Amino acid sequence: MSEELAIDLSTFFLSISSAAFFSMGMGIEGKESAPPVDLTMARQNIQLLELLSEKTKGNRTQEEDRLLSQLLFEVRMRFVEIQKELVSKK
């Protein structure tokens, strides 16, 4: 497998967090319309990151630890913000 196609743990974490953000309506910059919000899918991706955090504990580099901690914080905070926004619209 070429170096460009190699997937490492950090890339895997980033991929899952991107899917979570996308499910929370955060699209690609430059696109006119945001993707639809799907909190169930977002929650599943957050839970997947939490599972990976638990199962890879002690086997990650310091950089991977920092990245995963930061990603979990960011997706959880955004999830709460989206929930609040949806409740206030009702």
PDB file of N, CA and C in Angstrom:
ATOM      1  N   MET A   1       0.860  -1.176   0.000  1.00  0.00           N
ATOM      2  CA  MET A   1       0.000   0.000   0.000  1.00  0.00           C
ATOM      3  C   MET A   1       0.900   1.231   0.000  1.00  0.00           C
ATOM      4  N   SER A   2       0.558   2.209  -0.801  1.00  0.00           N
ATOM      5  CA  SER A   2       1.379   3.408  -0.877  1.00  0.00           C
ATOM      6  C   SER A   2       1.226   4.234   0.386  1.00  0.00           C
ATOM      7  N   GLU A   3       2.241   5.072   0.630  1.00  0.00           N
ATOM      8  CA  GLU A   3       2.242   5.926   1.820  1.00  0.00           C
ATOM      9  C   GLU A   3       1.039   6.867   1.835  1.00  0.00           C
ATOM     10  N   GLU A   4       0.612   7.337   0.655  1.00  0.00           N
ATOM     11  CA  GLU A   4      -0.522   8.257   0.566  1.00  0.00           C
ATOM     12  C   GLU A   4      -1.829   7.605   0.972  1.00  0.00           C
ATOM     13  N   LEU A   5      -1.945   6.302   0.792  1.00  0.00           N
ATOM     14  CA  LEU A   5      -3.178   5.590   1.094  1.00  0.00           C
ATOM     15  C   LEU A   5      -3.179   4.946   2.477  1.00  0.00           C
ATOM     16  N   ALA A   6      -2.055   5.034   3.178  1.00  0.00           N
ATOM     17  CA  ALA A   6      -1.956   4.411   4.491  1.00  0.00           C
ATOM     18  C   ALA A   6      -2.896   5.116   5.473  1.00  0.00           C
ATOM     19  N   ILE A   7      -3.585   4.324   6.244  1.00  0.00           N
ATOM     20  CA  ILE A   7      -4.486   4.854   7.271  1.00  0.00           C
ATOM     21  C   ILE A   7      -3.851   4.568   8.624  1.00  0.00           C
ATOM     22  N   ASP A   8      -3.722   5.620   9.420  1.00  0.00           N
ATOM     23  CA  ASP A   8      -3.225   5.435  10.770  1.00  0.00           C
ATOM     24  C   ASP A   8      -4.348   5.748  11.756  1.00  0.00           C
ATOM     25  N   LEU A   9      -4.075   5.581  13.019  1.00  0.00           N
ATOM     26  CA  LEU A   9      -5.111   5.766  14.038  1.00  0.00           C
ATOM     27  C   LEU A   9      -5.638   7.201  14.060  1.00  0.00           C
ATOM     28  N   SER A  10      -4.753   8.178  13.908  1.00  0.00           N
ATOM     29  CA  SER A  10      -5.197   9.573  13.897  1.00  0.00           C
ATOM     30  C   SER A  10      -6.141   9.846  12.735  1.00  0.00           C
ATOM     31  N   THR A  11      -5.818   9.315  11.572  1.00  0.00           N
ATOM     32  CA  THR A  11      -6.677   9.491  10.402  1.00  0.00           C
ATOM     33  C   THR A  11      -8.037   8.846  10.642  1.00  0.00           C
ATOM     34  N   PHE A  12      -8.046   7.704  11.295  1.00  0.00           N
ATOM     35  CA  PHE A  12      -9.289   7.013  11.612  1.00  0.00           C
ATOM     36  C   PHE A  12     -10.142   7.857  12.565  1.00  0.00           C
ATOM     37  N   PHE A  13      -9.516   8.424  13.601  1.00  0.00           N
ATOM     38  CA  PHE A  13     -10.236   9.303  14.530  1.00  0.00           C
ATOM     39  C   PHE A  13     -10.820  10.501  13.793  1.00  0.00           C
ATOM     40  N   LEU A  14     -10.023  11.110  12.922  1.00  0.00           N
ATOM     41  CA  LEU A  14     -10.481  12.274  12.161  1.00  0.00           C
ATOM     42  C   LEU A  14     -11.647  11.928  11.249  1.00  0.00           C
ATOM     43  N   SER A  15     -11.604  10.756  10.656  1.00  0.00           N
ATOM     44  CA  SER A  15     -12.673  10.313   9.768  1.00  0.00           C
ATOM     45  C   SER A  15     -13.994  10.160  10.523  1.00  0.00           C
ATOM     46  N   ILE A  16     -13.941   9.546  11.674  1.00  0.00           N
ATOM     47  CA  ILE A  16     -15.154   9.338  12.468  1.00  0.00           C
ATOM     48  C   ILE A  16     -15.697  10.671  12.983  1.00  0.00           C
ATOM     49  N   SER A  17     -14.806  11.540  13.431  1.00  0.00           N
ATOM     50  CA  SER A  17     -15.277  12.844  13.919  1.00  0.00           C
ATOM     51  C   SER A  17     -15.862  13.667  12.775  1.00  0.00           C
ATOM     52  N   SER A  18     -15.291  13.562  11.587  1.00  0.00           N
ATOM     53  CA  SER A  18     -15.849  14.267  10.420  1.00  0.00           C
ATOM     54  C   SER A  18     -17.258  13.779  10.122  1.00  0.00           C
ATOM     55  N   ALA A  19     -17.464  12.479  10.226  1.00  0.00           N
ATOM     56  CA  ALA A  19     -18.798  11.919  10.008  1.00  0.00           C
ATOM     57  C   ALA A  19     -19.774  12.438  11.065  1.00  0.00           C
ATOM     58  N   ALA A  20     -19.310  12.576  12.304  1.00  0.00           N
ATOM     59  CA  ALA A  20     -20.165  13.109  13.377  1.00  0.00           C
ATOM     60  C   ALA A  20     -20.542  14.559  13.085  1.00  0.00           C
ATOM     61  N   PHE A  21     -19.550  15.371  12.704  1.00  0.00           N
ATOM     62  CA  PHE A  21     -19.823  16.773  12.388  1.00  0.00           C
ATOM     63  C   PHE A  21     -20.765  16.897  11.194  1.00  0.00           C
ATOM     64  N   PHE A  22     -20.557  16.082  10.194  1.00  0.00           N
ATOM     65  CA  PHE A  22     -21.420  16.095   9.009  1.00  0.00           C
ATOM     66  C   PHE A  22     -22.860  15.773   9.412  1.00  0.00           C
ATOM     67  N   SER A  23     -23.029  14.796  10.307  1.00  0.00           N
ATOM     68  CA  SER A  23     -24.363  14.418  10.784  1.00  0.00           C
ATOM     69  C   SER A  23     -25.026  15.523  11.604  1.00  0.00           C
ATOM     70  N   MET A  24     -24.207  16.450  12.090  1.00  0.00           N
ATOM     71  CA  MET A  24     -24.750  17.569  12.846  1.00  0.00           C
ATOM     72  C   MET A  24     -24.958  18.797  11.963  1.00  0.00           C
ATOM     73  N   GLY A  25     -24.936  18.580  10.650  1.00  0.00           N
ATOM     74  CA  GLY A  25     -25.244  19.651   9.714  1.00  0.00           C
ATOM     75  C   GLY A  25     -24.080  20.514   9.301  1.00  0.00           C
ATOM     76  N   MET A  26     -22.890  20.114   9.668  1.00  0.00           N
ATOM     77  CA  MET A  26     -21.709  20.883   9.285  1.00  0.00           C
ATOM     78  C   MET A  26     -21.163  20.313   7.980  1.00  0.00           C
ATOM     79  N   GLY A  27     -21.357  21.062   6.915  1.00  0.00           N
ATOM     80  CA  GLY A  27     -20.960  20.592   5.604  1.00  0.00           C
ATOM     81  C   GLY A  27     -19.568  21.028   5.208  1.00  0.00           C
ATOM     82  N   ILE A  28     -19.318  20.893   3.944  1.00  0.00           N
ATOM     83  CA  ILE A  28     -18.031  21.251   3.369  1.00  0.00           C
ATOM     84  C   ILE A  28     -18.040  22.745   3.067  1.00  0.00           C
ATOM     85  N   GLU A  29     -16.979  23.405   3.453  1.00  0.00           N
ATOM     86  CA  GLU A  29     -16.878  24.843   3.216  1.00  0.00           C
ATOM     87  C   GLU A  29     -16.978  25.130   1.726  1.00  0.00           C
ATOM     88  N   GLY A  30     -17.749  26.141   1.389  1.00  0.00           N
ATOM     89  CA  GLY A  30     -17.927  26.499  -0.010  1.00  0.00           C
ATOM     90  C   GLY A  30     -19.215  25.949  -0.607  1.00  0.00           C
ATOM     91  N   LYS A  31     -19.785  24.942   0.038  1.00  0.00           N
ATOM     92  CA  LYS A  31     -21.065  24.400  -0.417  1.00  0.00           C
ATOM     93  C   LYS A  31     -22.173  25.328   0.071  1.00  0.00           C
ATOM     94  N   GLU A  32     -23.169  25.516  -0.767  1.00  0.00           N
ATOM     95  CA  GLU A  32     -24.247  26.441  -0.418  1.00  0.00           C
ATOM     96  C   GLU A  32     -25.194  25.898   0.634  1.00  0.00           C
ATOM     97  N   SER A  33     -25.485  24.610   0.589  1.00  0.00           N
ATOM     98  CA  SER A  33     -26.443  24.058   1.547  1.00  0.00           C
ATOM     99  C   SER A  33     -25.742  23.111   2.523  1.00  0.00           C
ATOM    100  N   ALA A  34     -26.197  23.166   3.754  1.00  0.00           N
ATOM    101  CA  ALA A  34     -25.654  22.285   4.788  1.00  0.00           C
ATOM    102  C   ALA A  34     -26.354  20.932   4.704  1.00  0.00           C
ATOM    103  N   PRO A  35     -25.660  19.872   5.098  1.00  0.00           N
ATOM    104  CA  PRO A  35     -26.313  18.559   5.124  1.00  0.00           C
ATOM    105  C   PRO A  35     -27.403  18.533   6.198  1.00  0.00           C
ATOM    106  N   PRO A  36     -28.373  17.642   6.056  1.00  0.00           N
ATOM    107  CA  PRO A  36     -29.426  17.560   7.075  1.00  0.00           C
ATOM    108  C   PRO A  36     -28.869  17.065   8.410  1.00  0.00           C
ATOM    109  N   VAL A  37     -29.472  17.522   9.485  1.00  0.00           N
ATOM    110  CA  VAL A  37     -29.049  17.110  10.823  1.00  0.00           C
ATOM    111  C   VAL A  37     -29.638  15.737  11.133  1.00  0.00           C
ATOM    112  N   ASP A  38     -28.786  14.842  11.572  1.00  0.00           N
ATOM    113  CA  ASP A  38     -29.182  13.489  11.971  1.00  0.00           C
ATOM    114  C   ASP A  38     -28.490  13.195  13.302  1.00  0.00           C
ATOM    115  N   LEU A  39     -29.160  13.565  14.402  1.00  0.00           N
ATOM    116  CA  LEU A  39     -28.538  13.422  15.721  1.00  0.00           C
ATOM    117  C   LEU A  39     -28.303  11.973  16.115  1.00  0.00           C
ATOM    118  N   THR A  40     -29.109  11.068  15.602  1.00  0.00           N
ATOM    119  CA  THR A  40     -28.895   9.647  15.904  1.00  0.00           C
ATOM    120  C   THR A  40     -27.563   9.180  15.324  1.00  0.00           C
ATOM    121  N   MET A  41     -27.306   9.558  14.088  1.00  0.00           N
ATOM    122  CA  MET A  41     -26.043   9.176  13.452  1.00  0.00           C
ATOM    123  C   MET A  41     -24.874   9.885  14.127  1.00  0.00           C
ATOM    124  N   ALA A  42     -25.057  11.141  14.476  1.00  0.00           N
ATOM    125  CA  ALA A  42     -24.004  11.883  15.174  1.00  0.00           C
ATOM    126  C   ALA A  42     -23.672  11.205  16.501  1.00  0.00           C
ATOM    127  N   ARG A  43     -24.706  10.842  17.240  1.00  0.00           N
ATOM    128  CA  ARG A  43     -24.504  10.166  18.530  1.00  0.00           C
ATOM    129  C   ARG A  43     -23.759   8.844  18.345  1.00  0.00           C
ATOM    130  N   GLN A  44     -24.101   8.092  17.310  1.00  0.00           N
ATOM    131  CA  GLN A  44     -23.414   6.821  17.051  1.00  0.00           C
ATOM    132  C   GLN A  44     -21.929   7.044  16.761  1.00  0.00           C
ATOM    133  N   ASN A  45     -21.614   8.080  16.005  1.00  0.00           N
ATOM    134  CA  ASN A  45     -20.213   8.365  15.711  1.00  0.00           C
ATOM    135  C   ASN A  45     -19.470   8.822  16.960  1.00  0.00           C
ATOM    136  N   ILE A  46     -20.126   9.587  17.808  1.00  0.00           N
ATOM    137  CA  ILE A  46     -19.509  10.000  19.072  1.00  0.00           C
ATOM    138  C   ILE A  46     -19.269   8.773  19.948  1.00  0.00           C
ATOM    139  N   GLN A  47     -20.244   7.881  20.008  1.00  0.00           N
ATOM    140  CA  GLN A  47     -20.079   6.652  20.791  1.00  0.00           C
ATOM    141  C   GLN A  47     -18.966   5.779  20.231  1.00  0.00           C
ATOM    142  N   LEU A  48     -18.805   5.783  18.929  1.00  0.00           N
ATOM    143  CA  LEU A  48     -17.722   5.020  18.303  1.00  0.00           C
ATOM    144  C   LEU A  48     -16.366   5.606  18.721  1.00  0.00           C
ATOM    145  N   LEU A  49     -16.246   6.926  18.738  1.00  0.00           N
ATOM    146  CA  LEU A  49     -15.005   7.547  19.215  1.00  0.00           C
ATOM    147  C   LEU A  49     -14.750   7.204  20.682  1.00  0.00           C
ATOM    148  N   GLU A  50     -15.816   7.206  21.489  1.00  0.00           N
ATOM    149  CA  GLU A  50     -15.674   6.852  22.901  1.00  0.00           C
ATOM    150  C   GLU A  50     -15.229   5.398  23.064  1.00  0.00           C
ATOM    151  N   LEU A  51     -15.789   4.520  22.262  1.00  0.00           N
ATOM    152  CA  LEU A  51     -15.399   3.109  22.295  1.00  0.00           C
ATOM    153  C   LEU A  51     -13.928   2.945  21.910  1.00  0.00           C
ATOM    154  N   LEU A  52     -13.523   3.627  20.853  1.00  0.00           N
ATOM    155  CA  LEU A  52     -12.123   3.561  20.435  1.00  0.00           C
ATOM    156  C   LEU A  52     -11.206   4.128  21.510  1.00  0.00           C
ATOM    157  N   SER A  53     -11.653   5.176  22.184  1.00  0.00           N
ATOM    158  CA  SER A  53     -10.869   5.756  23.269  1.00  0.00           C
ATOM    159  C   SER A  53     -10.633   4.723  24.363  1.00  0.00           C
ATOM    160  N   GLU A  54     -11.706   4.032  24.730  1.00  0.00           N
ATOM    161  CA  GLU A  54     -11.617   3.018  25.782  1.00  0.00           C
ATOM    162  C   GLU A  54     -10.746   1.830  25.352  1.00  0.00           C
ATOM    163  N   LYS A  55     -10.964   1.346  24.150  1.00  0.00           N
ATOM    164  CA  LYS A  55     -10.292   0.128  23.690  1.00  0.00           C
ATOM    165  C   LYS A  55      -8.829   0.332  23.296  1.00  0.00           C
ATOM    166  N   THR A  56      -8.457   1.572  22.974  1.00  0.00           N
ATOM    167  CA  THR A  56      -7.066   1.823  22.573  1.00  0.00           C
ATOM    168  C   THR A  56      -6.258   2.487  23.689  1.00  0.00           C
ATOM    169  N   LYS A  57      -6.872   2.673  24.852  1.00  0.00           N
ATOM    170  CA  LYS A  57      -6.194   3.314  25.980  1.00  0.00           C
ATOM    171  C   LYS A  57      -4.905   2.552  26.310  1.00  0.00           C
ATOM    172  N   GLY A  58      -3.827   3.294  26.461  1.00  0.00           N
ATOM    173  CA  GLY A  58      -2.538   2.684  26.772  1.00  0.00           C
ATOM    174  C   GLY A  58      -1.767   2.248  25.541  1.00  0.00           C
ATOM    175  N   ASN A  59      -2.410   2.309  24.387  1.00  0.00           N
ATOM    176  CA  ASN A  59      -1.764   1.896  23.142  1.00  0.00           C
ATOM    177  C   ASN A  59      -1.665   3.044  22.137  1.00  0.00           C
ATOM    178  N   ARG A  60      -1.927   4.264  22.581  1.00  0.00           N
ATOM    179  CA  ARG A  60      -1.859   5.428  21.697  1.00  0.00           C
ATOM    180  C   ARG A  60      -0.623   6.251  22.014  1.00  0.00           C
ATOM    181  N   THR A  61      -0.160   6.981  21.008  1.00  0.00           N
ATOM    182  CA  THR A  61       0.928   7.929  21.242  1.00  0.00           C
ATOM    183  C   THR A  61       0.361   9.157  21.947  1.00  0.00           C
ATOM    184  N   GLN A  62       1.233  10.015  22.453  1.00  0.00           N
ATOM    185  CA  GLN A  62       0.778  11.243  23.091  1.00  0.00           C
ATOM    186  C   GLN A  62       0.004  12.103  22.098  1.00  0.00           C
ATOM    187  N   GLU A  63       0.462  12.152  20.859  1.00  0.00           N
ATOM    188  CA  GLU A  63      -0.235  12.937  19.838  1.00  0.00           C
ATOM    189  C   GLU A  63      -1.625  12.381  19.578  1.00  0.00           C
ATOM    190  N   GLU A  64      -1.737  11.058  19.512  1.00  0.00           N
ATOM    191  CA  GLU A  64      -3.046  10.430  19.304  1.00  0.00           C
ATOM    192  C   GLU A  64      -3.958  10.693  20.497  1.00  0.00           C
ATOM    193  N   ASP A  65      -3.398  10.650  21.706  1.00  0.00           N
ATOM    194  CA  ASP A  65      -4.177  10.961  22.916  1.00  0.00           C
ATOM    195  C   ASP A  65      -4.739  12.375  22.857  1.00  0.00           C
ATOM    196  N   ARG A  66      -3.872  13.332  22.524  1.00  0.00           N
ATOM    197  CA  ARG A  66      -4.310  14.732  22.452  1.00  0.00           C
ATOM    198  C   ARG A  66      -5.372  14.921  21.378  1.00  0.00           C
ATOM    199  N   LEU A  67      -5.130  14.338  20.213  1.00  0.00           N
ATOM    200  CA  LEU A  67      -6.087  14.471  19.115  1.00  0.00           C
ATOM    201  C   LEU A  67      -7.443  13.898  19.512  1.00  0.00           C
ATOM    202  N   LEU A  68      -7.451  12.691  20.046  1.00  0.00           N
ATOM    203  CA  LEU A  68      -8.706  12.043  20.406  1.00  0.00           C
ATOM    204  C   LEU A  68      -9.436  12.826  21.494  1.00  0.00           C
ATOM    205  N   SER A  69      -8.705  13.315  22.471  1.00  0.00           N
ATOM    206  CA  SER A  69      -9.316  14.127  23.536  1.00  0.00           C
ATOM    207  C   SER A  69      -9.953  15.380  22.962  1.00  0.00           C
ATOM    208  N   GLN A  70      -9.238  16.053  22.090  1.00  0.00           N
ATOM    209  CA  GLN A  70      -9.742  17.273  21.477  1.00  0.00           C
ATOM    210  C   GLN A  70     -10.965  16.993  20.611  1.00  0.00           C
ATOM    211  N   LEU A  71     -10.909  15.943  19.807  1.00  0.00           N
ATOM    212  CA  LEU A  71     -12.039  15.600  18.944  1.00  0.00           C
ATOM    213  C   LEU A  71     -13.273  15.251  19.758  1.00  0.00           C
ATOM    214  N   LEU A  72     -13.096  14.456  20.806  1.00  0.00           N
ATOM    215  CA  LEU A  72     -14.237  14.100  21.649  1.00  0.00           C
ATOM    216  C   LEU A  72     -14.849  15.343  22.290  1.00  0.00           C
ATOM    217  N   PHE A  73     -14.016  16.236  22.777  1.00  0.00           N
ATOM    218  CA  PHE A  73     -14.527  17.473  23.377  1.00  0.00           C
ATOM    219  C   PHE A  73     -15.330  18.267  22.346  1.00  0.00           C
ATOM    220  N   GLU A  74     -14.758  18.445  21.157  1.00  0.00           N
ATOM    221  CA  GLU A  74     -15.402  19.267  20.131  1.00  0.00           C
ATOM    222  C   GLU A  74     -16.722  18.665  19.641  1.00  0.00           C
ATOM    223  N   VAL A  75     -16.751  17.359  19.382  1.00  0.00           N
ATOM    224  CA  VAL A  75     -17.998  16.763  18.871  1.00  0.00           C
ATOM    225  C   VAL A  75     -19.071  16.739  19.955  1.00  0.00           C
ATOM    226  N   ARG A  76     -18.673  16.514  21.194  1.00  0.00           N
ATOM    227  CA  ARG A  76     -19.660  16.529  22.281  1.00  0.00           C
ATOM    228  C   ARG A  76     -20.254  17.921  22.470  1.00  0.00           C
ATOM    229  N   MET A  77     -19.390  18.941  22.442  1.00  0.00           N
ATOM    230  CA  MET A  77     -19.868  20.315  22.610  1.00  0.00           C
ATOM    231  C   MET A  77     -20.797  20.709  21.460  1.00  0.00           C
ATOM    232  N   ARG A  78     -20.424  20.368  20.255  1.00  0.00           N
ATOM    233  CA  ARG A  78     -21.263  20.701  19.100  1.00  0.00           C
ATOM    234  C   ARG A  78     -22.590  19.960  19.186  1.00  0.00           C
ATOM    235  N   PHE A  79     -22.569  18.722  19.631  1.00  0.00           N
ATOM    236  CA  PHE A  79     -23.787  17.932  19.776  1.00  0.00           C
ATOM    237  C   PHE A  79     -24.753  18.627  20.736  1.00  0.00           C
ATOM    238  N   VAL A  80     -24.236  19.081  21.871  1.00  0.00           N
ATOM    239  CA  VAL A  80     -25.066  19.779  22.857  1.00  0.00           C
ATOM    240  C   VAL A  80     -25.614  21.074  22.264  1.00  0.00           C
ATOM    241  N   GLU A  81     -24.785  21.808  21.538  1.00  0.00           N
ATOM    242  CA  GLU A  81     -25.237  23.056  20.908  1.00  0.00           C
ATOM    243  C   GLU A  81     -26.375  22.791  19.926  1.00  0.00           C
ATOM    244  N   ILE A  82     -26.222  21.767  19.110  1.00  0.00           N
ATOM    245  CA  ILE A  82     -27.255  21.437  18.110  1.00  0.00           C
ATOM    246  C   ILE A  82     -28.546  21.032  18.811  1.00  0.00           C
ATOM    247  N   GLN A  83     -28.443  20.224  19.875  1.00  0.00           N
ATOM    248  CA  GLN A  83     -29.635  19.834  20.623  1.00  0.00           C
ATOM    249  C   GLN A  83     -30.360  21.059  21.154  1.00  0.00           C
ATOM    250  N   LYS A  84     -29.620  21.989  21.738  1.00  0.00           N
ATOM    251  CA  LYS A  84     -30.216  23.212  22.284  1.00  0.00           C
ATOM    252  C   LYS A  84     -30.889  24.028  21.181  1.00  0.00           C
ATOM    253  N   GLU A  85     -30.227  24.143  20.035  1.00  0.00           N
ATOM    254  CA  GLU A  85     -30.794  24.884  18.901  1.00  0.00           C
ATOM    255  C   GLU A  85     -32.106  24.260  18.452  1.00  0.00           C
ATOM    256  N   LEU A  86     -32.138  22.947  18.363  1.00  0.00           N
ATOM    257  CA  LEU A  86     -33.336  22.256  17.910  1.00  0.00           C
ATOM    258  C   LEU A  86     -34.479  22.412  18.907  1.00  0.00           C
ATOM    259  N   VAL A  87     -34.169  22.373  20.195  1.00  0.00           N
ATOM    260  CA  VAL A  87     -35.193  22.536  21.227  1.00  0.00           C
ATOM    261  C   VAL A  87     -35.755  23.966  21.196  1.00  0.00           C
ATOM    262  N   SER A  88     -34.885  24.946  21.018  1.00  0.00           N
ATOM    263  CA  SER A  88     -35.342  26.338  21.024  1.00  0.00           C
ATOM    264  C   SER A  88     -36.187  26.669  19.792  1.00  0.00           C
ATOM    265  N   LYS A  89     -36.073  25.916  18.724  1.00  0.00           N
ATOM    266  CA  LYS A  89     -36.871  26.144  17.514  1.00  0.00           C
ATOM    267  C   LYS A  89     -38.277  25.598  17.643  1.00  0.00           C
ATOM    268  N   LYS A  90     -38.495  24.720  18.618  1.00  0.00           N
ATOM    269  CA  LYS A  90     -39.827  24.098  18.776  1.00  0.00           C
ATOM    270  C   LYS A  90     -40.780  25.019  19.454  1.00  0.00           C
TER     271      LYS A  90
END
